[in-house]
C-alpha cells in the first residue's frame, strides 16, 4: 500500500506536551513563530523506525550503529558527491554540542573565535564557554541577500584568532552561500591558519530552486584538513526532540583534539535517536520534496506582507525581517503585544530585526500574517 501524502495543513495542538515553542506563551493570545522547530508531524517512516526499535523491551546504552554511519556516508555521497571515511565521523547529541567542542578543541590562552553575524544565538555564547574572546563581523546586505564582508573579516583576524564559526545555510538570514563565497572563506582560513567550523544542519532545506548547498570541506583536501562540519537530520525532518548529530573531521589530529575536548562532558546518543536519524538519512521518498513545496508557498505569503523588510529565503524556514525604521526599543516585545511570538534579533547580534519561523500550517501562518500586518501598520 502506497504511503499517504503528508498533510501539512493539519493543525496539531502542541499545548500540554511540554513544547518549548508553545508553552512559552501559555495562557496568552500569542502565536509562536520563534524557535526553529516546525508545527508538522514527523514523517511516518521515522515514527515507524522508532516504534520498531521499541519492539525490543530493553533501551540500554547503545554504540553508534554501523548501519547509521553507512547511511550518513551514503547520504553525503548521494547529495554532495563527497566521500568520507567512517573514521572521520564523531557522533554527537547535537550540533550545538559540536560547535562548542570545536572552540574548546582549538582554544589557547587569549584566543579568539571569529563569528560572522547575525547568527544562530548559541554561537554567541561559544567564546565565553571556551574562555576565548568573541570577534563578531557583521554580514552586509547586498541588494536582496546578505553576504560576508571579506574585507572586514580580514581586518578582524589577528594572530590570536583560532577558529571561524560559520552557519551555512545561514540562520537567521536564510542564505545558502555559493561556492565562490565559500572558496573565499576557505582561502582566508588557509591564509591565517584558522580552523573552520561549519554548522550545516539546514542543508537539505533549500527553498530557492537556483540555490545549492556546498559543504565547505568538499572544496578540497587543504580546507577539509582544517574543517569541522556539523550535520543532523533533526531540522529537515522535524525531530529536534530526538537529537542526534555528527561531526565530519577528516584530519586525525584535529579529530583527536575534538574528542579530547568532549571527554567526561558529553552524554551518549540514545537508541531511539539513532533509529530516527538512520531512517532520515536513508530517505529518498516524497516527504521532503512535499515539505519544501509547502514551505515555498508559506514563504511567498510571508514575502507578500513583509515586502522589502525581508530578503528572499534561499534555505531554511526562517525569515529575517528588518524593522529598524520602526525605531522599536524592544522589537520582540512589541510584536508580542500584537499577538506574535517572534525571535528578537538582538539575541542573534542583529538589533532592529526579528526572526520569523514560517514552518507551520497555512491557516496558522495566515492568522499570524494578519497580526503582522496590523503590528506594522500600528507602529
Foldseek 3Di string as FASTA:
>chain_A
DDDDAFDQQDQDDCPPVPDPQPVVQPPHLFQGQADQFFRGDFDPLLVVLLVVVVVPPDFDDDDQDPLLLVLQQVLCCVAAVDHADSVQKDKALACLLVVLLLCLLQDDVAAEEEEEDLADLSVVCSQVSNVYHYHYAYWDDDDQATAGDVVSVLVRDDLRYAEYEEEAVGPPQQDHDDPVRLVSVLVSCVVNVHAYEYECAQQLFFQPPPGHHHDSLRPDVVNLQRYWYKYFCCSQRRPVVQGMIMIRRRHPVSVVSSVVSCPPPGDHRTPSSSSSRSSSSNDPDDRRVVQSVVLNVLQVVLCVLQPPQWRRRRTGQKTKGAQVVVVDPFVQVLLVVLNYRWAASVSSVDHRITMGRRNHNPVSSVVVSVSVNVSVVVD
